[in-house]
Structures are given as structure tokens and as C-alpha cells.
Amino acid sequence: MNTSGTNPKTKARDLWIKNANNKYQLNVIISPLEGINETGSKIILMEDLEKRKKIYGICGECNEPGTGRRWCQSCNSKRFKENFKNWTSGNKNIDELIQQSQLNAVHYKKCLEWIPYEKFEDITYITRGGFGKIYSANWPEGFIRFWDIENQKWDRCPNVKVALKCLDNSSNLSKVFLNEIKSHLQIYIFDIIQCYGITQDPTTKDYMMVLFYCANGNLRQHLINRHKPINYNSKIENLTEIASGLLNIHNSGRIHKDFHSGNILYGEFGRPHISDLGMCQPANHDNESGNEGTYGVIPYMAPEVLRGHPYEKASDIYSFGIVMNELMSEVIPYNEEPHDHILAIKICKGHRPKISEGTPKLIADLITKCWDANPKNRPTANELYQQLKKWKIEMYNNNSEIKSQIKKCNKNKLKNKPRSQSHPQAIYISRQISFKNLPEPTNSTNSHSDDNTPSPLSNLISECMDCQLSELDLNEDDE
């Protein structure tokens, strides 16, 4: 049987390698600069035809090596292009974004679809975030997985539950909306929430991102609603996966800029995923909004960012340190005090959340490095990931230092402490922050232990009262 062409009269065969080697990424990368993947999955370059053939197999229509698992970029782009005339979002920028993603897709997780709103069922409001509303919905048709060569149709994953994210005033498309969608496409796959496409509410005319739905909420909710302490294995495994996601963001040349426990979501099988990439921008990106101040959640914002300095990769690392301690201690940071100018001053003076006695010293030391006042002293995302990955492996070695420290900490194992009432001005959604005259960041000498030793920060309140506090000091959006 001749399978060399795409003649419709020719019966094409499925020649993909079904059980592709999991040591390799799901798709090729165009250039090595896209990200040398230190997370363990070996990269395959587009130009490496022999490796592509060996790992993915060949296309049964054009006989060329695959560009990803069960995917031929050349053949699928032609199919997508032929279908352009059959749909439109009604917005030129969105149409072009979707079309370019489909033409350039080297794997199904790299392409978007325009999904008519009527394709969704049981649309239900979930919550409001810093920039818009989130809904859940059922999608009976489901997302594209690959082209079924033998039956000549798209194979889809049916009956998918999705999240619909509507940014405020997205009927008038903003750069933030389009940037978030682009970020989902440009950042590598697993530990980042997948974006399937875009839809539009016919009533409000707001555009909505169609995203992977995480059934188990976010990390903050997970800690608040826990019924018993989380074991060390789960904590270190979770932190390793979160660090992997942050590393993939940084490897793509971008910064998250809004990294906190509310943006770490848990899927059905308990795997964490990083979400909310709306603020995620290239590391050399200048603020184009023209607005004074910056956006974020104060407890997770690095002191240099609170002082108005641009976000850097090291700023994300600071935020990771706060999240890391939050998971290890199972305590939400600064929940008993207002998130205001005084807290910002204290953070710049070296105030940090308490590190609990139940935290192994190796991990406590890494947390402290992450939230160092000097960004240059913080580890990189790769250093974080490699260290956590090492501990994850050594957790099962009784002779390892991390295992020995965990055994000691088990004697002081966390008990379910009564949950304290959060301060009414403890605000954990992103908002615009603009503080004046914050002090130069320094490290405190005594704020990292869970004991009753008086902190040198105890005299800060009187110092902070000298600051003129007003509504203007905390410029926040009406949300």
C-alpha cells in the first residue's frame, strides 16, 4: 500500500510511536534557547530528524518525523488553515492569535481553539480573583488530542470539566488578557495550567480563557481546610513540582510576578499547577501600563518590589520562599495583621513569617536563602529545583541527612492547631500597591524561629506610627 502522499484515496496508516519515551519532552523545541530543560525531560530539536523519528515515529500521511507525540506540525497546520474560514471570534487580534498558535503548534498543548459559548454546559460561578471572575463548565466535545489518521478526523478528549476565566472588561481586549494566553503557549507543559482556547459570553460580550480545571482548589484553601497535618513526603514532592513549574517559567525567559499560594492549584490527582500568568512577562519587559505602583499580594512580595523596583526572577524566588514556608508550617503568612504600609515597612526591615519547629533545618536554611533581603543571595529556580529533587529522592534513604532531620522533626510533628481568625485587612488577592519612602531592605537577626524570644522588630510599631498612613498609601483596585 502506498502511504507516501496525502491523496484522500490513499489509506493512511497510523505510524506513531504510541508509548513514546517519557524521558523526552512531549514536543520538539525550535531553538535551544527555548529552554534547556533542567527538570529532567530531555529536549529534542526540530532539526534533529533522526531523534524525532526514534522518539515520536513518523506521520502516516507525509512520512516525515513527528514534531511531538502523535503530532505532525506540517500536516496539522494545513488542516487548521483550511478551517479558518469556518470560524471567527469577531476580534481580529484574537483570530490572529488562535490562527498563529494552530499554524505553529508542534503538539496539541501548543494550539488554541475558538470555542463557541454554546458548546459549554452547566456553567457555574466559582469565585472572584484579583482581575476577574472564574466559572466552571462542562465541555462535552472536549479538546483536540491528535489527528486520527485512519479515520481522518480530530481525536478529542470528551466530557472535560474546564475553568472559564473572564478578566474584567475583557470585551475591550487588554494586553494583560492577550499576554496571559501567550504565556500559556510559550511556557513548557506539565506544571503550568493548560489553556485550551478562548470563548465569549454572548450576554456580557466578555472574552474568556478556557483552562484546565483543578478540582481541589488552591494551596491556600488546601491548608485552611486540611483535616490533619500533611506528611513530609507530600510536602517535598509538592514543592519539587512547584519549583519545576517556576523553573519552566524562568527557562522561557519570563517572570511570573504574582506568585502566591492562591495561584497554585491542585488537580484531581493532587498534582500542583501554577496558574494566573496574566502578569507573567519577559524578564526584560518594561511596564507598559503607565500606572504608578505594582500589582501583587503583600505577604508574598519581595522587599525590593514593595519599594517600587521592577520584578526580577529573584523576586519570584522570594515569593517561592514564602510559599515554601507556608506549606511546611501549614500557616498562612501574616494572617493576623493588616496588609498595609506598616507591614511593608516591617518586611523591608527583615520581618518574615515564623519557621516552625517542625521544619527540618536543611529546608529552613533554604527558605531563609529564598527570602534574603539581597536578591543576589537568593538561589536560582534551577538551584531550588535540583535541591528539592535531591531531597525528594533522599527521603527514602534512611542514611541521608534529610531523612535523619525529618525523623527528629517527627517528634515535634505538627498538631492541628486552632485556626486563628484572619485580620479583616489581611488581603490575599492581587491589587495595585504604591508605598512611599520604604526603608532599604535588610535581614533580621531573629525572626525565623517559632519560639517566644522577643524579636527586634517589636519596637517597629512606634517607628511605623511616625509614617503618615492614609488611603493614598495603599492604592488598591475596587475588587
Protein backbone atom coordinates (compact mmCIF):
# COMPACT_ATOMS: atom_id res chain seq x y z
CA MET A 1 0.00 0.00 0.00
CA ASN A 2 1.33 3.40 -0.98
CA THR A 3 1.43 5.77 2.04
CA SER A 4 3.86 8.36 0.72
CA GLY A 5 1.35 11.12 -0.01
CA THR A 6 -1.82 12.74 1.29
CA ASN A 7 -4.07 11.62 -1.56
CA PRO A 8 -7.53 11.21 0.01
CA LYS A 9 -7.97 7.98 -1.94
CA THR A 10 -4.92 6.57 -0.19
CA LYS A 11 -5.46 4.78 3.10
CA ALA A 12 -3.01 6.43 5.50
CA ARG A 13 -1.65 4.34 8.35
CA ASP A 14 -1.02 5.35 11.94
CA LEU A 15 2.77 5.09 12.28
CA TRP A 16 3.21 7.00 15.52
CA ILE A 17 5.10 5.50 18.43
CA LYS A 18 2.30 5.13 20.98
CA ASN A 19 4.41 4.62 24.08
CA ALA A 20 6.91 7.39 23.49
CA ASN A 21 9.97 7.56 25.74
CA ASN A 22 8.90 9.55 28.81
CA LYS A 23 12.45 10.79 29.30
CA TYR A 24 11.87 13.20 26.42
CA GLN A 25 9.63 16.25 26.16
CA LEU A 26 6.21 15.86 24.59
CA ASN A 27 7.25 18.03 21.67
CA VAL A 28 10.27 19.40 19.86
CA ILE A 29 11.65 22.86 20.51
CA ILE A 30 12.59 25.16 17.67
CA SER A 31 15.75 26.54 19.27
CA PRO A 32 17.96 25.50 22.20
CA LEU A 33 17.32 28.99 23.58
CA GLU A 34 13.70 27.98 24.27
CA GLY A 35 14.82 26.25 27.41
CA ILE A 36 17.42 23.69 28.32
CA ASN A 37 15.09 21.66 30.48
CA GLU A 38 16.85 21.04 33.78
CA THR A 39 13.70 19.39 35.13
CA GLY A 40 14.80 16.07 33.68
CA SER A 41 12.93 15.73 30.39
CA LYS A 42 15.44 15.66 27.56
CA ILE A 43 14.85 18.13 24.76
CA ILE A 44 14.55 17.28 21.07
CA LEU A 45 15.37 19.96 18.49
CA MET A 46 13.23 20.42 15.40
CA GLU A 47 16.31 19.90 13.21
CA ASP A 48 17.14 16.52 14.76
CA LEU A 49 15.20 14.35 12.31
CA GLU A 50 16.62 11.03 13.44
CA LYS A 51 15.84 11.67 17.12
CA ARG A 52 12.32 12.82 16.24
CA LYS A 53 11.75 9.64 14.23
CA LYS A 54 13.09 7.46 17.02
CA ILE A 55 11.05 9.08 19.81
CA TYR A 56 7.80 10.11 18.10
CA GLY A 57 7.64 7.96 14.95
CA ILE A 58 6.60 9.23 11.54
CA CYS A 59 3.48 10.80 10.10
CA GLY A 60 1.41 8.28 8.14
CA GLU A 61 0.45 10.97 5.62
CA CYS A 62 3.71 12.74 4.75
CA ASN A 63 6.23 10.19 6.11
CA GLU A 64 8.09 12.94 7.99
CA PRO A 65 9.21 12.52 11.63
CA GLY A 66 6.74 13.81 14.21
CA THR A 67 7.13 17.16 15.94
CA GLY A 68 5.56 15.78 19.12
CA ARG A 69 3.74 12.74 20.36
CA ARG A 70 1.17 11.77 17.70
CA TRP A 71 1.56 15.18 16.02
CA CYS A 72 2.79 16.43 12.63
CA GLN A 73 3.09 20.20 12.59
CA SER A 74 3.18 20.41 8.79
CA CYS A 75 0.08 18.31 8.07
CA ASN A 76 -1.97 19.62 11.00
CA SER A 77 -1.24 23.27 10.18
CA LYS A 78 -2.71 22.71 6.70
CA ARG A 79 -5.85 21.22 8.24
CA PHE A 80 -6.22 24.13 10.63
CA LYS A 81 -5.66 26.66 7.84
CA GLU A 82 -8.34 25.10 5.66
CA ASN A 83 -10.77 25.55 8.56
CA PHE A 84 -10.01 29.24 9.22
CA LYS A 85 -12.94 30.29 7.01
CA ASN A 86 -15.38 28.35 9.18
CA TRP A 87 -14.98 30.33 12.40
CA THR A 88 -14.26 33.78 13.83
CA SER A 89 -14.15 35.26 17.31
CA GLY A 90 -15.30 38.59 16.00
CA ASN A 91 -11.99 40.15 17.01
CA LYS A 92 -9.03 40.39 14.65
CA ASN A 93 -6.39 40.15 17.39
CA ILE A 94 -7.91 37.01 18.88
CA ASP A 95 -8.39 35.43 15.46
CA GLU A 96 -4.73 36.03 14.60
CA LEU A 97 -3.55 34.71 17.98
CA ILE A 98 -5.52 31.47 17.60
CA GLN A 99 -4.56 31.03 13.96
CA GLN A 100 -0.86 31.52 14.65
CA SER A 101 -0.99 29.03 17.51
CA GLN A 102 -2.58 26.45 15.21
CA LEU A 103 -0.13 27.03 12.36
CA ASN A 104 2.88 26.83 14.68
CA ALA A 105 1.71 24.06 17.02
CA VAL A 106 4.23 21.22 17.36
CA HIS A 107 1.94 19.38 19.82
CA TYR A 108 -1.70 19.62 20.89
CA LYS A 109 -0.81 21.55 24.06
CA LYS A 110 0.62 24.30 21.86
CA CYS A 111 -2.56 25.13 19.94
CA LEU A 112 -5.69 27.08 20.85
CA GLU A 113 -9.24 26.84 19.56
CA TRP A 114 -12.10 29.28 19.20
CA ILE A 115 -14.84 27.56 21.22
CA PRO A 116 -18.41 28.86 20.81
CA TYR A 117 -20.03 29.54 24.20
CA GLU A 118 -22.95 27.22 23.42
CA LYS A 119 -20.51 24.29 23.41
CA PHE A 120 -20.38 24.51 27.23
CA GLU A 121 -22.90 23.13 29.71
CA ASP A 122 -23.60 23.70 33.42
CA ILE A 123 -21.68 26.99 33.62
CA THR A 124 -21.29 27.81 37.32
CA TYR A 125 -19.74 30.80 39.08
CA ILE A 126 -16.85 29.77 41.37
CA THR A 127 -15.05 32.82 42.70
CA ARG A 128 -13.53 36.20 42.01
CA GLY A 129 -9.78 36.77 41.75
CA GLY A 130 -7.70 39.90 41.61
CA PHE A 131 -8.55 40.67 37.99
CA GLY A 132 -11.79 38.91 37.14
CA LYS A 133 -14.24 36.06 37.69
CA ILE A 134 -13.81 32.30 37.43
CA TYR A 135 -16.52 29.85 36.34
CA SER A 136 -16.59 26.10 35.89
CA ALA A 137 -18.26 24.38 32.95
CA ASN A 138 -18.61 21.03 31.23
CA TRP A 139 -17.29 20.72 27.68
CA PRO A 140 -18.87 17.60 26.10
CA GLU A 141 -16.89 17.81 22.86
CA GLY A 142 -13.57 18.28 24.65
CA PHE A 143 -10.16 19.38 23.43
CA ILE A 144 -8.13 18.14 20.46
CA ARG A 145 -5.53 15.47 21.26
CA PHE A 146 -4.30 14.39 17.81
CA TRP A 147 -5.37 13.78 14.22
CA ASP A 148 -6.88 10.32 13.76
CA ILE A 149 -5.10 9.45 10.52
CA GLU A 150 -7.04 6.28 9.80
CA ASN A 151 -10.49 7.84 10.35
CA GLN A 152 -9.49 11.29 9.06
CA LYS A 153 -10.86 13.32 11.97
CA TRP A 154 -9.66 15.00 15.15
CA ASP A 155 -9.47 12.74 18.15
CA ARG A 156 -10.77 14.65 21.19
CA CYS A 157 -10.86 14.11 24.93
CA PRO A 158 -14.63 14.25 25.58
CA ASN A 159 -16.63 15.37 28.61
CA VAL A 160 -13.99 17.65 30.09
CA LYS A 161 -14.61 19.95 33.02
CA VAL A 162 -12.97 23.32 32.40
CA ALA A 163 -12.50 26.67 34.10
CA LEU A 164 -13.68 29.80 32.29
CA LYS A 165 -11.63 32.83 33.30
CA CYS A 166 -13.15 36.20 32.48
CA LEU A 167 -10.93 39.24 33.06
CA ASP A 168 -12.63 42.48 33.96
CA ASN A 169 -13.76 44.50 30.93
CA SER A 170 -12.27 41.93 28.56
CA SER A 171 -14.85 42.91 25.94
CA ASN A 172 -12.31 45.70 25.37
CA LEU A 173 -9.29 43.48 24.95
CA SER A 174 -6.34 44.37 27.13
CA LYS A 175 -2.67 43.49 26.79
CA VAL A 176 -2.98 41.56 30.07
CA PHE A 177 -5.63 39.24 28.58
CA LEU A 178 -3.64 38.52 25.41
CA ASN A 179 -0.37 38.26 27.33
CA GLU A 180 -1.77 35.62 29.67
CA ILE A 181 -2.86 33.47 26.73
CA LYS A 182 0.52 33.84 25.04
CA SER A 183 2.24 32.87 28.27
CA HIS A 184 0.30 29.60 28.41
CA LEU A 185 1.56 28.77 24.92
CA GLN A 186 5.19 29.75 25.46
CA ILE A 187 5.87 28.09 28.80
CA TYR A 188 6.57 24.39 28.91
CA ILE A 189 3.87 21.94 29.63
CA PHE A 190 3.23 19.96 32.79
CA ASP A 191 3.35 22.16 35.87
CA ILE A 192 1.53 25.08 34.25
CA ILE A 193 -2.25 25.26 33.79
CA GLN A 194 -3.13 24.46 30.16
CA CYS A 195 -5.19 26.91 28.11
CA TYR A 196 -7.43 25.12 25.57
CA GLY A 197 -8.75 28.19 23.83
CA ILE A 198 -10.97 31.27 24.01
CA THR A 199 -14.73 31.81 24.13
CA GLN A 200 -17.08 34.78 24.57
CA ASP A 201 -20.05 35.29 26.85
CA PRO A 202 -22.83 36.31 24.40
CA THR A 203 -24.58 38.40 27.08
CA THR A 204 -21.71 40.45 28.52
CA LYS A 205 -19.52 40.17 25.37
CA ASP A 206 -16.57 39.45 27.67
CA TYR A 207 -13.92 37.12 26.28
CA MET A 208 -12.97 34.17 28.45
CA MET A 209 -9.98 31.84 28.61
CA VAL A 210 -10.88 28.14 28.63
CA LEU A 211 -8.50 26.49 31.09
CA PHE A 212 -7.70 23.16 32.68
CA TYR A 213 -9.95 22.77 35.71
CA CYS A 214 -8.37 21.98 39.08
CA ALA A 215 -10.92 20.15 41.19
CA ASN A 216 -9.09 20.50 44.50
CA GLY A 217 -8.75 24.27 44.74
CA ASN A 218 -5.62 26.22 45.57
CA LEU A 219 -2.82 25.65 48.07
CA ARG A 220 -4.13 28.26 50.50
CA GLN A 221 -7.56 26.60 50.60
CA HIS A 222 -5.86 23.22 50.90
CA LEU A 223 -4.06 24.38 54.06
CA ILE A 224 -7.08 26.13 55.58
CA ASN A 225 -9.40 23.14 55.02
CA ARG A 226 -6.99 20.36 55.96
CA HIS A 227 -8.27 17.74 58.39
CA LYS A 228 -4.84 16.56 59.52
CA PRO A 229 -1.17 17.59 59.13
CA ILE A 230 0.40 16.95 55.71
CA ASN A 231 3.27 14.44 55.72
CA TYR A 232 6.80 15.43 54.77
CA ASN A 233 6.83 13.24 51.66
CA SER A 234 3.86 15.09 50.20
CA LYS A 235 5.28 18.49 51.13
CA ILE A 236 8.65 17.88 49.48
CA GLU A 237 7.06 16.27 46.41
CA ASN A 238 4.69 19.22 46.05
CA LEU A 239 7.48 21.76 46.45
CA THR A 240 9.57 19.93 43.85
CA GLU A 241 6.73 20.09 41.32
CA ILE A 242 6.03 23.76 42.08
CA ALA A 243 9.75 24.55 41.67
CA SER A 244 9.68 22.67 38.37
CA GLY A 245 6.86 24.92 37.15
CA LEU A 246 8.68 28.07 38.24
CA LEU A 247 11.84 26.82 36.53
CA ASN A 248 9.91 26.31 33.30
CA ILE A 249 8.64 29.89 33.53
CA HIS A 250 12.15 31.24 34.06
CA ASN A 251 13.59 28.99 31.34
CA SER A 252 11.14 30.58 28.92
CA GLY A 253 12.74 33.94 29.73
CA ARG A 254 9.73 35.12 31.72
CA ILE A 255 8.87 36.12 35.29
CA HIS A 256 5.60 35.18 37.00
CA LYS A 257 5.29 38.45 39.00
CA ASP A 258 2.27 37.30 41.03
CA PHE A 259 3.46 34.08 42.66
CA HIS A 260 1.50 33.11 45.78
CA SER A 261 -0.39 30.15 47.25
CA GLY A 262 -3.68 31.28 45.71
CA ASN A 263 -2.12 30.78 42.27
CA ILE A 264 -1.01 27.20 42.93
CA LEU A 265 -3.90 24.90 42.04
CA TYR A 266 -4.39 21.20 42.69
CA GLY A 267 -5.78 18.84 40.08
CA GLU A 268 -7.75 15.65 40.57
CA PHE A 269 -4.69 13.57 41.46
CA GLY A 270 -3.17 16.09 43.87
CA ARG A 271 -0.56 17.47 41.48
CA PRO A 272 0.09 21.22 41.86
CA HIS A 273 -0.10 23.53 38.85
CA ILE A 274 0.94 27.17 38.60
CA SER A 275 -1.82 29.44 37.32
CA ASP A 276 -2.62 33.11 36.67
CA LEU A 277 0.01 34.05 34.11
CA GLY A 278 -1.57 37.42 33.33
CA MET A 279 1.29 39.36 34.89
CA CYS A 280 3.86 36.89 33.56
CA GLN A 281 6.11 38.78 31.16
CA PRO A 282 9.59 38.60 29.62
CA ALA A 283 12.38 39.31 32.08
CA ASN A 284 13.43 42.40 30.10
CA HIS A 285 9.86 43.71 29.82
CA ASP A 286 9.20 47.31 30.85
CA ASN A 287 5.89 48.19 32.47
CA GLU A 288 3.62 49.39 29.68
CA SER A 289 0.56 50.02 31.79
CA GLY A 290 1.57 53.55 32.67
CA ASN A 291 0.11 53.07 36.16
CA GLU A 292 2.04 54.06 39.23
CA GLY A 293 2.78 51.22 41.62
CA THR A 294 2.78 47.49 41.07
CA TYR A 295 0.40 44.56 41.49
CA GLY A 296 0.69 41.76 43.98
CA VAL A 297 -0.25 40.21 47.33
CA ILE A 298 1.80 41.99 50.00
CA PRO A 299 2.88 38.95 52.10
CA TYR A 300 4.50 37.36 49.02
CA MET A 301 6.07 40.48 47.51
CA ALA A 302 9.85 40.85 47.77
CA PRO A 303 11.01 43.96 49.68
CA GLU A 304 12.66 45.45 46.59
CA VAL A 305 9.33 45.15 44.73
CA LEU A 306 7.46 46.79 47.60
CA ARG A 307 9.93 49.68 47.25
CA GLY A 308 8.95 50.08 43.58
CA HIS A 309 11.82 48.22 41.91
CA PRO A 310 10.99 46.11 38.83
CA TYR A 311 10.24 42.43 39.28
CA GLU A 312 13.15 40.10 38.59
CA LYS A 313 13.48 36.33 38.61
CA ALA A 314 14.89 36.71 42.14
CA SER A 315 11.59 38.35 43.16
CA ASP A 316 9.76 35.15 42.19
CA ILE A 317 12.27 33.21 44.30
CA TYR A 318 11.41 35.35 47.34
CA SER A 319 7.73 34.56 46.77
CA PHE A 320 8.57 30.87 46.45
CA GLY A 321 10.31 31.05 49.85
CA ILE A 322 7.13 32.42 51.44
CA VAL A 323 5.06 29.68 49.78
CA MET A 324 7.61 27.06 50.82
CA ASN A 325 7.37 28.11 54.46
CA GLU A 326 3.58 28.31 54.20
CA LEU A 327 3.41 24.67 53.10
CA MET A 328 5.96 23.46 55.64
CA SER A 329 4.39 25.33 58.59
CA GLU A 330 0.79 24.97 57.34
CA VAL A 331 0.22 28.58 58.44
CA ILE A 332 -0.96 31.35 56.09
CA PRO A 333 1.61 34.20 56.20
CA TYR A 334 0.74 37.36 58.16
CA ASN A 335 -2.92 36.38 58.52
CA GLU A 336 -3.29 38.03 61.94
CA GLU A 337 -2.21 41.53 60.93
CA PRO A 338 -3.33 44.12 58.36
CA HIS A 339 -1.61 44.06 54.99
CA ASP A 340 -0.74 47.73 54.94
CA HIS A 341 2.11 50.24 54.95
CA ILE A 342 3.27 49.12 58.40
CA LEU A 343 3.64 45.51 57.25
CA ALA A 344 5.56 46.69 54.18
CA ILE A 345 7.99 48.61 56.42
CA LYS A 346 8.42 45.58 58.68
CA ILE A 347 9.15 43.33 55.69
CA CYS A 348 11.79 45.75 54.45
CA LYS A 349 13.25 45.74 57.98
CA GLY A 350 13.62 41.95 57.81
CA HIS A 351 10.32 40.71 59.25
CA ARG A 352 9.41 37.28 57.87
CA PRO A 353 6.84 34.59 58.75
CA LYS A 354 7.87 32.21 61.51
CA ILE A 355 9.61 28.98 60.52
CA SER A 356 8.04 26.26 62.65
CA GLU A 357 9.97 23.84 64.84
CA GLY A 358 8.61 21.04 62.64
CA THR A 359 10.71 22.19 59.68
CA PRO A 360 13.96 20.25 59.06
CA LYS A 361 16.98 22.55 59.32
CA LEU A 362 18.07 21.88 55.73
CA ILE A 363 14.70 23.09 54.49
CA ALA A 364 14.61 26.02 56.93
CA ASP A 365 18.01 27.16 55.64
CA LEU A 366 16.77 27.03 52.05
CA ILE A 367 13.66 29.04 52.95
CA THR A 368 15.85 31.68 54.59
CA LYS A 369 18.04 31.92 51.49
CA CYS A 370 14.97 32.39 49.28
CA TRP A 371 13.70 35.36 51.24
CA ASP A 372 17.08 37.03 51.77
CA ALA A 373 16.80 40.83 51.57
CA ASN A 374 19.53 40.88 48.92
CA PRO A 375 18.20 39.39 45.65
CA LYS A 376 21.73 38.32 44.67
CA ASN A 377 21.89 35.98 47.67
CA ARG A 378 18.78 34.04 46.67
CA PRO A 379 19.11 30.72 44.79
CA THR A 380 18.04 30.41 41.16
CA ALA A 381 14.95 28.42 40.17
CA ASN A 382 17.24 25.68 38.85
CA GLU A 383 19.18 25.51 42.13
CA LEU A 384 15.88 25.31 44.00
CA TYR A 385 14.54 22.54 41.79
CA GLN A 386 17.73 20.49 41.85
CA GLN A 387 17.98 20.69 45.65
CA LEU A 388 14.33 19.76 46.21
CA LYS A 389 14.58 16.94 43.67
CA LYS A 390 17.62 15.60 45.53
CA TRP A 391 15.74 15.66 48.85
CA LYS A 392 12.73 14.02 47.21
CA ILE A 393 14.93 11.08 46.26
CA GLU A 394 16.81 11.01 49.57
CA MET A 395 13.54 10.95 51.52
CA TYR A 396 13.58 7.16 51.02
CA ASN A 397 17.20 6.72 52.12
CA ASN A 398 17.40 6.16 55.88
CA ASN A 399 21.06 7.17 55.88
CA SER A 400 20.50 10.58 54.28
CA GLU A 401 20.76 13.83 56.21
CA ILE A 402 17.28 15.00 55.18
CA LYS A 403 15.72 11.72 56.36
CA SER A 404 17.59 11.98 59.67
CA GLN A 405 16.32 15.54 60.22
CA ILE A 406 12.77 14.53 59.38
CA LYS A 407 12.90 11.74 61.95
CA LYS A 408 13.92 14.30 64.58
CA CYS A 409 11.19 16.70 63.50
CA ASN A 410 8.58 13.95 63.69
CA LYS A 411 8.95 14.12 67.46
CA ASN A 412 7.65 17.68 67.23
CA LYS A 413 5.20 16.79 64.49
CA LEU A 414 2.65 19.46 63.72
CA LYS A 415 -0.61 19.06 65.53
CA ASN A 416 -3.84 20.58 64.38
CA LYS A 417 -3.61 23.99 66.00
CA PRO A 418 -6.78 26.06 66.44
CA ARG A 419 -7.13 28.20 63.34
CA SER A 420 -6.75 31.85 64.19
CA GLN A 421 -9.20 34.40 62.88
CA SER A 422 -7.75 36.33 59.95
CA HIS A 423 -7.47 40.08 60.33
CA PRO A 424 -10.18 41.87 58.29
CA GLN A 425 -7.43 43.80 56.48
CA ALA A 426 -5.42 40.68 55.61
CA ILE A 427 -5.99 40.70 51.84
CA TYR A 428 -4.87 37.77 49.69
CA ILE A 429 -5.93 38.88 46.22
CA SER A 430 -3.69 40.83 43.85
CA ARG A 431 -4.14 44.58 43.88
CA GLN A 432 -2.23 47.69 42.95
CA ILE A 433 0.28 48.69 45.62
CA SER A 434 2.06 52.03 45.90
CA PHE A 435 4.08 52.72 49.06
CA LYS A 436 6.29 55.73 49.69
CA ASN A 437 9.64 56.01 51.48
CA LEU A 438 10.10 52.39 52.48
CA PRO A 439 13.46 51.65 54.15
CA GLU A 440 16.35 49.89 52.45
CA PRO A 441 15.81 46.08 52.74
CA THR A 442 17.77 44.32 55.46
CA ASN A 443 17.76 40.88 57.06
CA SER A 444 16.53 40.46 60.62
CA THR A 445 18.70 38.55 63.07
CA ASN A 446 15.82 36.99 64.99
CA SER A 447 12.56 36.41 63.19
CA HIS A 448 12.90 32.86 61.89
CA SER A 449 12.07 30.67 64.84
CA ASP A 450 8.81 29.51 66.35
CA ASP A 451 9.62 30.36 69.94
CA ASN A 452 8.82 33.11 72.41
CA THR A 453 12.07 35.04 72.05
CA PRO A 454 11.29 38.76 71.65
CA SER A 455 12.00 39.96 68.14
CA PRO A 456 13.99 43.14 67.48
CA LEU A 457 11.02 44.07 65.33
CA SER A 458 8.85 44.54 68.40
CA ASN A 459 9.75 48.23 68.51
CA LEU A 460 8.75 48.76 64.89
CA ILE A 461 5.18 49.76 65.63
CA SER A 462 6.11 53.05 67.28
CA GLU A 463 8.55 53.72 64.46
CA CYS A 464 5.89 52.96 61.86
CA MET A 465 3.38 55.25 63.58
CA ASP A 466 5.58 58.14 62.55
CA CYS A 467 4.62 57.36 58.97
CA GLN A 468 1.58 59.12 57.67
CA LEU A 469 -0.88 56.37 56.81
CA SER A 470 -3.82 57.09 54.61
CA GLU A 471 -5.90 55.58 51.86
CA LEU A 472 -3.39 57.02 49.44
CA ASP A 473 -0.58 54.89 50.87
CA LEU A 474 -2.41 51.75 49.87
CA ASN A 475 -3.76 52.36 46.42
CA GLU A 476 -5.95 49.39 45.65
CA ASP A 477 -8.41 48.49 42.96
CA ASP A 478 -12.10 48.24 43.73
CA GLU A 479 -12.37 44.46 43.70
